[in-house]
C-alpha atoms as a PDB file:
ATOM      1  CA  MET A   1      -2.865 -59.843   7.363  1.00  0.00           C
ATOM      2  CA  CYS A   2      -4.039 -56.767   9.241  1.00  0.00           C
ATOM      3  CA  ARG A   3      -2.845 -53.281   8.300  1.00  0.00           C
ATOM      4  CA  ILE A   4      -3.181 -50.308  10.558  1.00  0.00           C
ATOM      5  CA  HIS A   5      -3.727 -47.056   8.668  1.00  0.00           C
ATOM      6  CA  ARG A   6      -2.790 -43.879  10.400  1.00  0.00           C
ATOM      7  CA  PRO A   7      -4.772 -40.832   9.379  1.00  0.00           C
ATOM      8  CA  LEU A   8      -2.802 -38.225   7.497  1.00  0.00           C
ATOM      9  CA  LEU A   9      -2.733 -34.956   9.390  1.00  0.00           C
ATOM     10  CA  THR A  10      -1.756 -31.774   7.621  1.00  0.00           C
ATOM     11  CA  LEU A  11      -1.491 -28.583   9.570  1.00  0.00           C
ATOM     12  CA  THR A  12      -0.954 -25.275   7.851  1.00  0.00           C
ATOM     13  CA  LEU A  13      -0.148 -22.313  10.033  1.00  0.00           C
ATOM     14  CA  THR A  14      -0.725 -18.825   8.771  1.00  0.00           C
ATOM     15  CA  CYS A  15      -0.504 -15.443  10.355  1.00  0.00           C
ATOM     16  CA  VAL A  16      -3.781 -13.592  10.477  1.00  0.00           C
ATOM     17  CA  CYS A  17      -3.134  -9.887  10.796  1.00  0.00           C
ATOM     18  CA  ILE A  18      -6.023  -7.909  12.141  1.00  0.00           C
ATOM     19  CA  PRO A  19      -5.618  -4.172  11.611  1.00  0.00           C
ATOM     20  CA  LEU A  20      -5.921  -2.053  14.685  1.00  0.00           C
ATOM     21  CA  PHE A  21      -7.570   0.735  12.699  1.00  0.00           C
ATOM     22  CA  ALA A  22     -10.207   1.193  10.002  1.00  0.00           C
ATOM     23  CA  VAL A  23     -10.246   3.341   6.850  1.00  0.00           C
ATOM     24  CA  TYR A  24     -13.649   4.610   5.701  1.00  0.00           C
ATOM     25  CA  LYS A  25     -13.002   7.252   3.060  1.00  0.00           C
ATOM     26  CA  LEU A  26     -10.268   8.846   0.946  1.00  0.00           C
ATOM     27  CA  GLU A  27     -10.545  12.444  -0.273  1.00  0.00           C
ATOM     28  CA  PRO A  28     -10.040  13.105  -3.107  1.00  0.00           C
ATOM     29  CA  PHE A  29     -10.750   9.669  -4.557  1.00  0.00           C
ATOM     30  CA  GLU A  30      -8.644  10.392  -7.655  1.00  0.00           C
ATOM     31  CA  GLY A  31      -6.074  12.910  -8.837  1.00  0.00           C
ATOM     32  CA  PRO A  32      -3.426  13.696 -11.453  1.00  0.00           C
ATOM     33  CA  MET A  33      -0.781  11.119 -12.415  1.00  0.00           C
ATOM     34  CA  THR A  34       1.901  13.636 -11.439  1.00  0.00           C
ATOM     35  CA  GLY A  35       0.918  13.252  -7.789  1.00  0.00           C
ATOM     36  CA  GLN A  36       1.537  15.747  -4.993  1.00  0.00           C
ATOM     37  CA  THR A  37      -2.196  15.816  -4.247  1.00  0.00           C
ATOM     38  CA  GLU A  38      -3.015  16.175  -0.564  1.00  0.00           C
ATOM     39  CA  VAL A  39      -4.985  13.046   0.342  1.00  0.00           C
ATOM     40  CA  GLN A  40      -7.152  12.911   3.469  1.00  0.00           C
ATOM     41  CA  ILE A  41      -7.631   9.457   4.963  1.00  0.00           C
ATOM     42  CA  HIS A  42     -10.708   9.247   7.185  1.00  0.00           C
ATOM     43  CA  GLY A  43     -11.199   6.370   9.583  1.00  0.00           C
ATOM     44  CA  GLU A  44     -10.905   5.448  13.228  1.00  0.00           C
ATOM     45  CA  ASP A  45      -8.335   4.351  15.786  1.00  0.00           C
ATOM     46  CA  PHE A  46      -5.359   5.934  14.004  1.00  0.00           C
ATOM     47  CA  SER A  47      -2.363   6.433  16.280  1.00  0.00           C
ATOM     48  CA  ASN A  48       0.518   8.859  16.109  1.00  0.00           C
ATOM     49  CA  GLY A  49       3.850   7.439  15.019  1.00  0.00           C
ATOM     50  CA  ASN A  50       5.739   6.510  11.879  1.00  0.00           C
ATOM     51  CA  ILE A  51       2.873   6.665   9.337  1.00  0.00           C
ATOM     52  CA  LYS A  52       3.489   4.971   5.965  1.00  0.00           C
ATOM     53  CA  VAL A  53       0.804   4.953   3.261  1.00  0.00           C
ATOM     54  CA  THR A  54       1.042   2.519   0.342  1.00  0.00           C
ATOM     55  CA  PHE A  55      -0.349   3.428  -3.081  1.00  0.00           C
ATOM     56  CA  THR A  56      -0.661   0.812  -5.828  1.00  0.00           C
ATOM     57  CA  ASP A  57      -1.797   0.679  -9.434  1.00  0.00           C
ATOM     58  CA  GLY A  58      -1.974  -3.107  -9.426  1.00  0.00           C
ATOM     59  CA  LYS A  59       1.605  -3.530 -10.688  1.00  0.00           C
ATOM     60  CA  ASN A  60       3.681  -0.909  -8.909  1.00  0.00           C
ATOM     61  CA  THR A  61       3.590   0.209  -5.317  1.00  0.00           C
ATOM     62  CA  GLU A  62       4.884   3.384  -3.780  1.00  0.00           C
ATOM     63  CA  ASN A  63       5.168   4.149  -0.065  1.00  0.00           C
ATOM     64  CA  VAL A  64       4.848   7.713   1.160  1.00  0.00           C
ATOM     65  CA  SER A  65       5.033   9.269   4.598  1.00  0.00           C
ATOM     66  CA  GLY A  66       1.757  10.187   6.214  1.00  0.00           C
ATOM     67  CA  LYS A  67       0.897  12.775   8.843  1.00  0.00           C
ATOM     68  CA  TYR A  68      -1.233  12.097  11.909  1.00  0.00           C
ATOM     69  CA  HIS A  69      -3.839  14.738  12.750  1.00  0.00           C
ATOM     70  CA  THR A  70      -6.434  13.022  14.944  1.00  0.00           C
ATOM     71  CA  PRO A  71      -7.530   9.451  15.713  1.00  0.00           C
ATOM     72  CA  THR A  72      -9.885   9.803  12.721  1.00  0.00           C
ATOM     73  CA  LEU A  73      -7.713  11.722  10.200  1.00  0.00           C
ATOM     74  CA  LEU A  74      -4.389  11.153   8.420  1.00  0.00           C
ATOM     75  CA  THR A  75      -3.003  13.033   5.419  1.00  0.00           C
ATOM     76  CA  CYS A  76      -0.303  12.357   2.849  1.00  0.00           C
ATOM     77  CA  LYS A  77       0.823  13.495  -0.598  1.00  0.00           C
ATOM     78  CA  SER A  78       0.109  11.147  -3.492  1.00  0.00           C
ATOM     79  CA  PRO A  79       3.171   9.865  -5.402  1.00  0.00           C
ATOM     80  CA  ASP A  80       4.206  10.852  -8.920  1.00  0.00           C
ATOM     81  CA  TRP A  81       3.058   7.806 -10.927  1.00  0.00           C
ATOM     82  CA  LEU A  82       4.833   9.006 -14.069  1.00  0.00           C
ATOM     83  CA  LYS A  83       8.128   8.874 -12.168  1.00  0.00           C
ATOM     84  CA  VAL A  84       7.279   5.489 -10.637  1.00  0.00           C
ATOM     85  CA  HIS A  85       6.427   4.043 -14.053  1.00  0.00           C
ATOM     86  CA  ILE A  86       9.578   5.409 -15.695  1.00  0.00           C
ATOM     87  CA  LEU A  87      11.809   4.061 -12.911  1.00  0.00           C
ATOM     88  CA  HIS A  88      10.054   0.679 -12.940  1.00  0.00           C
ATOM     89  CA  THR A  89      10.368   0.368 -16.723  1.00  0.00           C
ATOM     90  CA  PHE A  90      14.040   1.374 -16.597  1.00  0.00           C
ATOM     91  CA  SER A  91      14.810  -1.150 -13.844  1.00  0.00           C
ATOM     92  CA  LYS A  92      13.349  -3.914 -16.056  1.00  0.00           C
ATOM     93  CA  GLY A  93      15.637  -2.839 -18.915  1.00  0.00           C
ATOM     94  CA  LEU A  94      12.765  -2.147 -21.298  1.00  0.00           C
ATOM     95  CA  SER A  95      13.379   1.526 -22.026  1.00  0.00           C
ATOM     96  CA  MET A  96      15.604   4.487 -21.293  1.00  0.00           C
ATOM     97  CA  MET A  97      14.904   6.955 -18.526  1.00  0.00           C
ATOM     98  CA  LEU A  98      14.292  10.333 -20.092  1.00  0.00           C
ATOM     99  CA  PRO A  99      14.175  13.650 -18.226  1.00  0.00           C
ATOM    100  CA  ARG A 100      10.742  15.254 -18.094  1.00  0.00           C
ATOM    101  CA  HIS A 101      10.293  18.864 -19.101  1.00  0.00           C
END
């Protein structure tokens, strides 16, 4: 008896997104947890338009609006991480949201 084995072919398609810009440096590199620090983003090939900057602490993310200055400079204000943490904790039902003084 002769069996013909067909090779198993698996094809996985993924989207590879190549950024059309590059970021080289952030100034300042760190700031207060309360946010509102003016952050300069240095790089190349930035374009004017609807600029969104994403900040993350590894668990939470916060998107803020950015401002275009030149093809090599964007700015934005850092988010208030105390507010983000309180809202995130409250949404998980783990604590109460308390007003800050």
